[in-house]
Amino acid sequence: MMSGMAVEGVVREWHPEQGWGVIDAQDTPGGCWAHFSNVAIDGYRELARGQVVCLEWEAVNQEGFCYRARRVWPKGAASIDSVGETVTDAYSSTVRWSFDLPE
């Protein structure tokens, strides 16, 4: 199940060093887990404890919470549409696996 429209919530906690937090909203009892990649703002994607936000959520089990934010942004701010699709040169990683088949 997903929210059809944005609801208002308050950031309960935010861990900037780990890039995630929990948002409390009436529609997400027990809290809604949020990741920095789903913060729909330009620039550095961070929220602050006590901040009022708008969020779109989905009902899934994430890190012990029954809800996960699909998109979240500060109340009164414009949200961006390309959440989770930011391409940056700040960090890049590649893993390549190869196996030798037995003869």
PDB file of N, CA and C in Angstrom:
ATOM      1  N   MET A   1       0.840  -1.178   0.000  1.00  0.00           N
ATOM      2  CA  MET A   1       0.000   0.000   0.000  1.00  0.00           C
ATOM      3  C   MET A   1       0.885   1.242   0.000  1.00  0.00           C
ATOM      4  N   MET A   2       0.492   2.232  -0.771  1.00  0.00           N
ATOM      5  CA  MET A   2       1.223   3.493  -0.833  1.00  0.00           C
ATOM      6  C   MET A   2       0.282   4.647  -0.547  1.00  0.00           C
ATOM      7  N   SER A   3       0.849   5.715  -0.032  1.00  0.00           N
ATOM      8  CA  SER A   3       0.044   6.921   0.139  1.00  0.00           C
ATOM      9  C   SER A   3      -0.236   7.501  -1.235  1.00  0.00           C
ATOM     10  N   GLY A   4      -1.452   7.956  -1.444  1.00  0.00           N
ATOM     11  CA  GLY A   4      -1.813   8.542  -2.722  1.00  0.00           C
ATOM     12  C   GLY A   4      -1.416   9.999  -2.833  1.00  0.00           C
ATOM     13  N   MET A   5      -1.240  10.635  -1.678  1.00  0.00           N
ATOM     14  CA  MET A   5      -0.855  12.036  -1.686  1.00  0.00           C
ATOM     15  C   MET A   5       0.073  12.288  -0.509  1.00  0.00           C
ATOM     16  N   ALA A   6       0.713  13.418  -0.530  1.00  0.00           N
ATOM     17  CA  ALA A   6       1.663  13.748   0.533  1.00  0.00           C
ATOM     18  C   ALA A   6       0.926  14.028   1.839  1.00  0.00           C
ATOM     19  N   VAL A   7       1.521  13.580   2.927  1.00  0.00           N
ATOM     20  CA  VAL A   7       1.003  13.850   4.260  1.00  0.00           C
ATOM     21  C   VAL A   7       2.058  14.633   5.026  1.00  0.00           C
ATOM     22  N   GLU A   8       1.637  15.272   6.086  1.00  0.00           N
ATOM     23  CA  GLU A   8       2.554  16.064   6.902  1.00  0.00           C
ATOM     24  C   GLU A   8       3.110  15.202   8.026  1.00  0.00           C
ATOM     25  N   GLY A   9       4.372  15.399   8.331  1.00  0.00           N
ATOM     26  CA  GLY A   9       5.009  14.671   9.417  1.00  0.00           C
ATOM     27  C   GLY A   9       6.065  15.521  10.088  1.00  0.00           C
ATOM     28  N   VAL A  10       6.650  14.971  11.141  1.00  0.00           N
ATOM     29  CA  VAL A  10       7.710  15.644  11.888  1.00  0.00           C
ATOM     30  C   VAL A  10       8.883  14.675  12.009  1.00  0.00           C
ATOM     31  N   VAL A  11      10.079  15.177  11.748  1.00  0.00           N
ATOM     32  CA  VAL A  11      11.282  14.351  11.836  1.00  0.00           C
ATOM     33  C   VAL A  11      11.551  14.039  13.306  1.00  0.00           C
ATOM     34  N   ARG A  12      11.472  12.759  13.670  1.00  0.00           N
ATOM     35  CA  ARG A  12      11.732  12.310  15.035  1.00  0.00           C
ATOM     36  C   ARG A  12      13.233  12.284  15.301  1.00  0.00           C
ATOM     37  N   GLU A  13      13.964  11.738  14.339  1.00  0.00           N
ATOM     38  CA  GLU A  13      15.425  11.659  14.465  1.00  0.00           C
ATOM     39  C   GLU A  13      16.026  11.630  13.068  1.00  0.00           C
ATOM     40  N   TRP A  14      17.247  12.146  12.965  1.00  0.00           N
ATOM     41  CA  TRP A  14      17.966  12.130  11.692  1.00  0.00           C
ATOM     42  C   TRP A  14      19.436  11.876  11.991  1.00  0.00           C
ATOM     43  N   HIS A  15      20.025  10.919  11.283  1.00  0.00           N
ATOM     44  CA  HIS A  15      21.425  10.544  11.467  1.00  0.00           C
ATOM     45  C   HIS A  15      22.204  10.951  10.214  1.00  0.00           C
ATOM     46  N   PRO A  16      22.717  12.180  10.165  1.00  0.00           N
ATOM     47  CA  PRO A  16      23.376  12.657   8.952  1.00  0.00           C
ATOM     48  C   PRO A  16      24.601  11.836   8.564  1.00  0.00           C
ATOM     49  N   GLU A  17      25.313  11.305   9.555  1.00  0.00           N
ATOM     50  CA  GLU A  17      26.501  10.518   9.245  1.00  0.00           C
ATOM     51  C   GLU A  17      26.143   9.180   8.606  1.00  0.00           C
ATOM     52  N   GLN A  18      24.920   8.703   8.825  1.00  0.00           N
ATOM     53  CA  GLN A  18      24.470   7.441   8.242  1.00  0.00           C
ATOM     54  C   GLN A  18      23.456   7.648   7.122  1.00  0.00           C
ATOM     55  N   GLY A  19      22.895   8.851   7.018  1.00  0.00           N
ATOM     56  CA  GLY A  19      21.994   9.180   5.923  1.00  0.00           C
ATOM     57  C   GLY A  19      20.577   8.645   6.034  1.00  0.00           C
ATOM     58  N   TRP A  20      20.075   8.508   7.252  1.00  0.00           N
ATOM     59  CA  TRP A  20      18.700   8.050   7.411  1.00  0.00           C
ATOM     60  C   TRP A  20      18.088   8.636   8.669  1.00  0.00           C
ATOM     61  N   GLY A  21      16.757   8.497   8.765  1.00  0.00           N
ATOM     62  CA  GLY A  21      16.059   8.983   9.939  1.00  0.00           C
ATOM     63  C   GLY A  21      14.665   8.407  10.015  1.00  0.00           C
ATOM     64  N   VAL A  22      13.894   8.908  10.977  1.00  0.00           N
ATOM     65  CA  VAL A  22      12.526   8.448  11.209  1.00  0.00           C
ATOM     66  C   VAL A  22      11.610   9.666  11.248  1.00  0.00           C
ATOM     67  N   ILE A  23      10.485   9.549  10.570  1.00  0.00           N
ATOM     68  CA  ILE A  23       9.498  10.622  10.514  1.00  0.00           C
ATOM     69  C   ILE A  23       8.202  10.110  11.125  1.00  0.00           C
ATOM     70  N   ASP A  24       7.601  10.905  11.998  1.00  0.00           N
ATOM     71  CA  ASP A  24       6.315  10.562  12.594  1.00  0.00           C
ATOM     72  C   ASP A  24       5.205  11.297  11.854  1.00  0.00           C
ATOM     73  N   ALA A  25       4.193  10.542  11.428  1.00  0.00           N
ATOM     74  CA  ALA A  25       3.028  11.107  10.754  1.00  0.00           C
ATOM     75  C   ALA A  25       1.805  10.322  11.201  1.00  0.00           C
ATOM     76  N   GLN A  26       0.660  10.947  11.180  1.00  0.00           N
ATOM     77  CA  GLN A  26      -0.573  10.291  11.600  1.00  0.00           C
ATOM     78  C   GLN A  26      -0.846   9.037  10.772  1.00  0.00           C
ATOM     79  N   ASP A  27      -0.524   9.056   9.489  1.00  0.00           N
ATOM     80  CA  ASP A  27      -0.787   7.924   8.600  1.00  0.00           C
ATOM     81  C   ASP A  27       0.232   6.797   8.723  1.00  0.00           C
ATOM     82  N   THR A  28       1.335   7.025   9.456  1.00  0.00           N
ATOM     83  CA  THR A  28       2.388   6.010   9.585  1.00  0.00           C
ATOM     84  C   THR A  28       2.690   5.748  11.058  1.00  0.00           C
ATOM     85  N   PRO A  29       1.757   5.116  11.782  1.00  0.00           N
ATOM     86  CA  PRO A  29       1.968   4.887  13.213  1.00  0.00           C
ATOM     87  C   PRO A  29       3.222   4.057  13.485  1.00  0.00           C
ATOM     88  N   GLY A  30       3.995   4.483  14.470  1.00  0.00           N
ATOM     89  CA  GLY A  30       5.237   3.804  14.805  1.00  0.00           C
ATOM     90  C   GLY A  30       6.438   4.394  14.101  1.00  0.00           C
ATOM     91  N   GLY A  31       6.202   5.269  13.139  1.00  0.00           N
ATOM     92  CA  GLY A  31       7.293   5.936  12.438  1.00  0.00           C
ATOM     93  C   GLY A  31       7.503   5.454  11.021  1.00  0.00           C
ATOM     94  N   CYS A  32       8.058   6.315  10.220  1.00  0.00           N
ATOM     95  CA  CYS A  32       8.329   6.043   8.808  1.00  0.00           C
ATOM     96  C   CYS A  32       9.831   6.208   8.586  1.00  0.00           C
ATOM     97  N   TRP A  33      10.496   5.136   8.149  1.00  0.00           N
ATOM     98  CA  TRP A  33      11.933   5.162   7.896  1.00  0.00           C
ATOM     99  C   TRP A  33      12.192   5.993   6.639  1.00  0.00           C
ATOM    100  N   ALA A  34      13.219   6.823   6.671  1.00  0.00           N
ATOM    101  CA  ALA A  34      13.542   7.674   5.522  1.00  0.00           C
ATOM    102  C   ALA A  34      15.036   7.640   5.247  1.00  0.00           C
ATOM    103  N   HIS A  35      15.402   7.610   3.965  1.00  0.00           N
ATOM    104  CA  HIS A  35      16.798   7.609   3.533  1.00  0.00           C
ATOM    105  C   HIS A  35      17.091   8.931   2.840  1.00  0.00           C
ATOM    106  N   PHE A  36      18.337   9.393   2.947  1.00  0.00           N
ATOM    107  CA  PHE A  36      18.685  10.689   2.342  1.00  0.00           C
ATOM    108  C   PHE A  36      18.422  10.728   0.845  1.00  0.00           C
ATOM    109  N   SER A  37      18.502   9.599   0.160  1.00  0.00           N
ATOM    110  CA  SER A  37      18.277   9.591  -1.291  1.00  0.00           C
ATOM    111  C   SER A  37      16.829   9.881  -1.646  1.00  0.00           C
ATOM    112  N   ASN A  38      15.925   9.830  -0.674  1.00  0.00           N
ATOM    113  CA  ASN A  38      14.519  10.133  -0.916  1.00  0.00           C
ATOM    114  C   ASN A  38      14.127  11.522  -0.439  1.00  0.00           C
ATOM    115  N   VAL A  39      15.106  12.307   0.005  1.00  0.00           N
ATOM    116  CA  VAL A  39      14.842  13.694   0.380  1.00  0.00           C
ATOM    117  C   VAL A  39      14.819  14.503  -0.915  1.00  0.00           C
ATOM    118  N   ALA A  40      13.650  15.019  -1.239  1.00  0.00           N
ATOM    119  CA  ALA A  40      13.411  15.635  -2.545  1.00  0.00           C
ATOM    120  C   ALA A  40      13.684  17.136  -2.541  1.00  0.00           C
ATOM    121  N   ILE A  41      14.953  17.491  -2.320  1.00  0.00           N
ATOM    122  CA  ILE A  41      15.375  18.892  -2.367  1.00  0.00           C
ATOM    123  C   ILE A  41      16.668  18.979  -3.161  1.00  0.00           C
ATOM    124  N   ASP A  42      16.946  20.151  -3.686  1.00  0.00           N
ATOM    125  CA  ASP A  42      18.217  20.380  -4.360  1.00  0.00           C
ATOM    126  C   ASP A  42      19.312  20.533  -3.318  1.00  0.00           C
ATOM    127  N   GLY A  43      20.518  20.201  -3.688  1.00  0.00           N
ATOM    128  CA  GLY A  43      21.644  20.379  -2.789  1.00  0.00           C
ATOM    129  C   GLY A  43      21.812  19.219  -1.830  1.00  0.00           C
ATOM    130  N   TYR A  44      22.387  19.511  -0.687  1.00  0.00           N
ATOM    131  CA  TYR A  44      22.672  18.491   0.318  1.00  0.00           C
ATOM    132  C   TYR A  44      21.364  17.994   0.919  1.00  0.00           C
ATOM    133  N   ARG A  45      21.138  16.702   0.868  1.00  0.00           N
ATOM    134  CA  ARG A  45      19.867  16.105   1.288  1.00  0.00           C
ATOM    135  C   ARG A  45      19.932  15.687   2.752  1.00  0.00           C
ATOM    136  N   GLU A  46      19.493  16.594   3.607  1.00  0.00           N
ATOM    137  CA  GLU A  46      19.516  16.339   5.042  1.00  0.00           C
ATOM    138  C   GLU A  46      18.274  16.939   5.669  1.00  0.00           C
ATOM    139  N   LEU A  47      17.790  16.309   6.723  1.00  0.00           N
ATOM    140  CA  LEU A  47      16.674  16.822   7.491  1.00  0.00           C
ATOM    141  C   LEU A  47      17.146  17.062   8.917  1.00  0.00           C
ATOM    142  N   ALA A  48      16.324  17.745   9.717  1.00  0.00           N
ATOM    143  CA  ALA A  48      16.699  18.053  11.091  1.00  0.00           C
ATOM    144  C   ALA A  48      15.619  17.566  12.057  1.00  0.00           C
ATOM    145  N   ARG A  49      16.029  17.095  13.201  1.00  0.00           N
ATOM    146  CA  ARG A  49      15.093  16.660  14.229  1.00  0.00           C
ATOM    147  C   ARG A  49      14.108  17.788  14.535  1.00  0.00           C
ATOM    148  N   GLY A  50      12.800  17.457  14.553  1.00  0.00           N
ATOM    149  CA  GLY A  50      11.758  18.449  14.828  1.00  0.00           C
ATOM    150  C   GLY A  50      11.251  19.181  13.601  1.00  0.00           C
ATOM    151  N   GLN A  51      11.893  18.991  12.460  1.00  0.00           N
ATOM    152  CA  GLN A  51      11.503  19.673  11.228  1.00  0.00           C
ATOM    153  C   GLN A  51      10.165  19.133  10.720  1.00  0.00           C
ATOM    154  N   VAL A  52       9.286  20.028  10.282  1.00  0.00           N
ATOM    155  CA  VAL A  52       8.006  19.638   9.700  1.00  0.00           C
ATOM    156  C   VAL A  52       8.236  19.380   8.215  1.00  0.00           C
ATOM    157  N   VAL A  53       7.776  18.222   7.753  1.00  0.00           N
ATOM    158  CA  VAL A  53       8.007  17.803   6.373  1.00  0.00           C
ATOM    159  C   VAL A  53       6.720  17.290   5.741  1.00  0.00           C
ATOM    160  N   CYS A  54       6.746  17.168   4.433  1.00  0.00           N
ATOM    161  CA  CYS A  54       5.714  16.475   3.670  1.00  0.00           C
ATOM    162  C   CYS A  54       6.339  15.177   3.191  1.00  0.00           C
ATOM    163  N   LEU A  55       5.564  14.098   3.158  1.00  0.00           N
ATOM    164  CA  LEU A  55       6.129  12.848   2.695  1.00  0.00           C
ATOM    165  C   LEU A  55       5.104  11.993   1.975  1.00  0.00           C
ATOM    166  N   GLU A  56       5.616  11.217   1.053  1.00  0.00           N
ATOM    167  CA  GLU A  56       4.873  10.159   0.394  1.00  0.00           C
ATOM    168  C   GLU A  56       5.512   8.871   0.889  1.00  0.00           C
ATOM    169  N   TRP A  57       4.715   7.888   1.260  1.00  0.00           N
ATOM    170  CA  TRP A  57       5.231   6.693   1.909  1.00  0.00           C
ATOM    171  C   TRP A  57       4.665   5.438   1.277  1.00  0.00           C
ATOM    172  N   GLU A  58       5.285   4.307   1.643  1.00  0.00           N
ATOM    173  CA  GLU A  58       4.774   3.002   1.239  1.00  0.00           C
ATOM    174  C   GLU A  58       4.849   2.070   2.443  1.00  0.00           C
ATOM    175  N   ALA A  59       3.925   1.119   2.492  1.00  0.00           N
ATOM    176  CA  ALA A  59       3.876   0.162   3.604  1.00  0.00           C
ATOM    177  C   ALA A  59       4.755  -1.036   3.265  1.00  0.00           C
ATOM    178  N   VAL A  60       5.971  -1.030   3.804  1.00  0.00           N
ATOM    179  CA  VAL A  60       6.927  -2.128   3.649  1.00  0.00           C
ATOM    180  C   VAL A  60       7.726  -2.226   4.946  1.00  0.00           C
ATOM    181  N   ASN A  61       8.330  -3.362   5.193  1.00  0.00           N
ATOM    182  CA  ASN A  61       9.166  -3.518   6.370  1.00  0.00           C
ATOM    183  C   ASN A  61      10.567  -3.008   6.034  1.00  0.00           C
ATOM    184  N   GLN A  62      10.995  -1.959   6.719  1.00  0.00           N
ATOM    185  CA  GLN A  62      12.316  -1.371   6.474  1.00  0.00           C
ATOM    186  C   GLN A  62      12.974  -1.077   7.806  1.00  0.00           C
ATOM    187  N   GLU A  63      14.050  -1.795   8.116  1.00  0.00           N
ATOM    188  CA  GLU A  63      14.838  -1.558   9.329  1.00  0.00           C
ATOM    189  C   GLU A  63      13.970  -1.563  10.587  1.00  0.00           C
ATOM    190  N   GLY A  64      12.972  -2.438  10.628  1.00  0.00           N
ATOM    191  CA  GLY A  64      12.117  -2.558  11.801  1.00  0.00           C
ATOM    192  C   GLY A  64      10.924  -1.623  11.817  1.00  0.00           C
ATOM    193  N   PHE A  65      10.750  -0.824  10.782  1.00  0.00           N
ATOM    194  CA  PHE A  65       9.601   0.070  10.673  1.00  0.00           C
ATOM    195  C   PHE A  65       8.650  -0.480   9.615  1.00  0.00           C
ATOM    196  N   CYS A  66       7.351  -0.257   9.801  1.00  0.00           N
ATOM    197  CA  CYS A  66       6.344  -0.772   8.862  1.00  0.00           C
ATOM    198  C   CYS A  66       6.157   0.141   7.651  1.00  0.00           C
ATOM    199  N   TYR A  67       6.775   1.308   7.681  1.00  0.00           N
ATOM    200  CA  TYR A  67       6.605   2.282   6.596  1.00  0.00           C
ATOM    201  C   TYR A  67       7.965   2.824   6.153  1.00  0.00           C
ATOM    202  N   ARG A  68       8.038   3.160   4.871  1.00  0.00           N
ATOM    203  CA  ARG A  68       9.255   3.734   4.301  1.00  0.00           C
ATOM    204  C   ARG A  68       8.864   4.938   3.454  1.00  0.00           C
ATOM    205  N   ALA A  69       9.604   6.016   3.596  1.00  0.00           N
ATOM    206  CA  ALA A  69       9.350   7.221   2.797  1.00  0.00           C
ATOM    207  C   ALA A  69       9.792   6.984   1.364  1.00  0.00           C
ATOM    208  N   ARG A  70       8.924   7.291   0.412  1.00  0.00           N
ATOM    209  CA  ARG A  70       9.276   7.238  -0.999  1.00  0.00           C
ATOM    210  C   ARG A  70       9.828   8.586  -1.447  1.00  0.00           C
ATOM    211  N   ARG A  71       9.323   9.651  -0.814  1.00  0.00           N
ATOM    212  CA  ARG A  71       9.760  11.009  -1.112  1.00  0.00           C
ATOM    213  C   ARG A  71       9.422  11.880   0.090  1.00  0.00           C
ATOM    214  N   VAL A  72      10.350  12.720   0.496  1.00  0.00           N
ATOM    215  CA  VAL A  72      10.134  13.604   1.639  1.00  0.00           C
ATOM    216  C   VAL A  72      10.815  14.943   1.362  1.00  0.00           C
ATOM    217  N   TRP A  73      10.168  16.038   1.775  1.00  0.00           N
ATOM    218  CA  TRP A  73      10.735  17.367   1.581  1.00  0.00           C
ATOM    219  C   TRP A  73      10.197  18.300   2.659  1.00  0.00           C
ATOM    220  N   PRO A  74      10.935  19.372   2.984  1.00  0.00           N
ATOM    221  CA  PRO A  74      10.493  20.302   4.011  1.00  0.00           C
ATOM    222  C   PRO A  74       9.160  20.945   3.638  1.00  0.00           C
ATOM    223  N   LYS A  75       8.266  21.071   4.618  1.00  0.00           N
ATOM    224  CA  LYS A  75       6.975  21.704   4.371  1.00  0.00           C
ATOM    225  C   LYS A  75       7.197  23.137   3.903  1.00  0.00           C
ATOM    226  N   GLY A  76       6.484  23.521   2.867  1.00  0.00           N
ATOM    227  CA  GLY A  76       6.601  24.866   2.319  1.00  0.00           C
ATOM    228  C   GLY A  76       7.659  24.999   1.241  1.00  0.00           C
ATOM    229  N   ALA A  77       8.488  23.989   1.076  1.00  0.00           N
ATOM    230  CA  ALA A  77       9.530  24.017   0.040  1.00  0.00           C
ATOM    231  C   ALA A  77       9.032  23.261  -1.189  1.00  0.00           C
ATOM    232  N   ALA A  78       9.561  23.616  -2.327  1.00  0.00           N
ATOM    233  CA  ALA A  78       9.246  22.879  -3.549  1.00  0.00           C
ATOM    234  C   ALA A  78      10.031  21.579  -3.551  1.00  0.00           C
ATOM    235  N   SER A  79       9.379  20.493  -3.955  1.00  0.00           N
ATOM    236  CA  SER A  79      10.083  19.214  -4.035  1.00  0.00           C
ATOM    237  C   SER A  79      10.577  19.000  -5.454  1.00  0.00           C
ATOM    238  N   ILE A  80      11.629  18.228  -5.590  1.00  0.00           N
ATOM    239  CA  ILE A  80      12.126  17.885  -6.919  1.00  0.00           C
ATOM    240  C   ILE A  80      11.589  16.510  -7.289  1.00  0.00           C
ATOM    241  N   ASP A  81      11.536  16.215  -8.580  1.00  0.00           N
ATOM    242  CA  ASP A  81      10.954  14.963  -9.047  1.00  0.00           C
ATOM    243  C   ASP A  81      11.956  13.832  -9.183  1.00  0.00           C
ATOM    244  N   SER A  82      13.235  14.128  -9.267  1.00  0.00           N
ATOM    245  CA  SER A  82      14.230  13.095  -9.576  1.00  0.00           C
ATOM    246  C   SER A  82      14.840  12.477  -8.321  1.00  0.00           C
ATOM    247  N   VAL A  83      14.013  12.146  -7.348  1.00  0.00           N
ATOM    248  CA  VAL A  83      14.497  11.557  -6.100  1.00  0.00           C
ATOM    249  C   VAL A  83      15.129  10.206  -6.374  1.00  0.00           C
ATOM    250  N   GLY A  84      16.289   9.975  -5.779  1.00  0.00           N
ATOM    251  CA  GLY A  84      16.968   8.697  -5.909  1.00  0.00           C
ATOM    252  C   GLY A  84      17.687   8.500  -7.223  1.00  0.00           C
ATOM    253  N   GLU A  85      17.685   9.513  -8.092  1.00  0.00           N
ATOM    254  CA  GLU A  85      18.300   9.377  -9.405  1.00  0.00           C
ATOM    255  C   GLU A  85      19.452  10.342  -9.616  1.00  0.00           C
ATOM    256  N   THR A  86      19.951  10.915  -8.536  1.00  0.00           N
ATOM    257  CA  THR A  86      21.029  11.886  -8.656  1.00  0.00           C
ATOM    258  C   THR A  86      22.318  11.210  -9.103  1.00  0.00           C
ATOM    259  N   VAL A  87      22.940  11.769 -10.121  1.00  0.00           N
ATOM    260  CA  VAL A  87      24.233  11.272 -10.585  1.00  0.00           C
ATOM    261  C   VAL A  87      25.271  12.279 -10.130  1.00  0.00           C
ATOM    262  N   THR A  88      26.318  11.789  -9.486  1.00  0.00           N
ATOM    263  CA  THR A  88      27.325  12.680  -8.947  1.00  0.00           C
ATOM    264  C   THR A  88      28.703  12.045  -9.089  1.00  0.00           C
ATOM    265  N   ASP A  89      29.719  12.877  -9.137  1.00  0.00           N
ATOM    266  CA  ASP A  89      31.090  12.386  -9.162  1.00  0.00           C
ATOM    267  C   ASP A  89      31.656  12.251  -7.749  1.00  0.00           C
ATOM    268  N   ALA A  90      30.845  12.540  -6.742  1.00  0.00           N
ATOM    269  CA  ALA A  90      31.336  12.524  -5.372  1.00  0.00           C
ATOM    270  C   ALA A  90      31.759  11.132  -4.932  1.00  0.00           C
ATOM    271  N   TYR A  91      31.083  10.099  -5.398  1.00  0.00           N
ATOM    272  CA  TYR A  91      31.431   8.741  -5.018  1.00  0.00           C
ATOM    273  C   TYR A  91      31.039   7.813  -6.147  1.00  0.00           C
ATOM    274  N   SER A  92      31.916   6.914  -6.455  1.00  0.00           N
ATOM    275  CA  SER A  92      31.630   5.941  -7.501  1.00  0.00           C
ATOM    276  C   SER A  92      32.290   4.632  -7.137  1.00  0.00           C
ATOM    277  N   SER A  93      31.616   3.544  -7.426  1.00  0.00           N
ATOM    278  CA  SER A  93      32.163   2.233  -7.113  1.00  0.00           C
ATOM    279  C   SER A  93      31.716   1.242  -8.173  1.00  0.00           C
ATOM    280  N   THR A  94      32.590   0.321  -8.512  1.00  0.00           N
ATOM    281  CA  THR A  94      32.270  -0.716  -9.480  1.00  0.00           C
ATOM    282  C   THR A  94      32.785  -2.043  -8.957  1.00  0.00           C
ATOM    283  N   VAL A  95      31.977  -3.066  -9.110  1.00  0.00           N
ATOM    284  CA  VAL A  95      32.386  -4.414  -8.739  1.00  0.00           C
ATOM    285  C   VAL A  95      32.225  -5.283  -9.968  1.00  0.00           C
ATOM    286  N   ARG A  96      33.245  -6.023 -10.294  1.00  0.00           N
ATOM    287  CA  ARG A  96      33.201  -6.918 -11.439  1.00  0.00           C
ATOM    288  C   ARG A  96      33.613  -8.309 -10.970  1.00  0.00           C
ATOM    289  N   TRP A  97      32.775  -9.292 -11.194  1.00  0.00           N
ATOM    290  CA  TRP A  97      33.056 -10.664 -10.805  1.00  0.00           C
ATOM    291  C   TRP A  97      33.342 -11.489 -12.044  1.00  0.00           C
ATOM    292  N   SER A  98      34.324 -12.339 -11.942  1.00  0.00           N
ATOM    293  CA  SER A  98      34.571 -13.298 -13.025  1.00  0.00           C
ATOM    294  C   SER A  98      34.986 -14.604 -12.379  1.00  0.00           C
ATOM    295  N   PHE A  99      34.605 -15.674 -13.022  1.00  0.00           N
ATOM    296  CA  PHE A  99      34.906 -17.002 -12.505  1.00  0.00           C
ATOM    297  C   PHE A  99      35.575 -17.835 -13.585  1.00  0.00           C
ATOM    298  N   ASP A 100      36.543 -18.602 -13.178  1.00  0.00           N
ATOM    299  CA  ASP A 100      37.150 -19.551 -14.083  1.00  0.00           C
ATOM    300  C   ASP A 100      36.372 -20.851 -13.968  1.00  0.00           C
ATOM    301  N   LEU A 101      35.890 -21.327 -15.093  1.00  0.00           N
ATOM    302  CA  LEU A 101      35.157 -22.583 -15.085  1.00  0.00           C
ATOM    303  C   LEU A 101      36.128 -23.745 -14.970  1.00  0.00           C
ATOM    304  N   PRO A 102      35.746 -24.755 -14.211  1.00  0.00           N
ATOM    305  CA  PRO A 102      36.645 -25.919 -14.082  1.00  0.00           C
ATOM    306  C   PRO A 102      36.796 -26.632 -15.436  1.00  0.00           C
ATOM    307  N   GLU A 103      37.960 -27.179 -15.666  1.00  0.00           N
ATOM    308  CA  GLU A 103      38.208 -27.864 -16.946  1.00  0.00           C
ATOM    309  C   GLU A 103      37.598 -29.241 -16.963  1.00  0.00           C
TER     310      GLU A 103
END
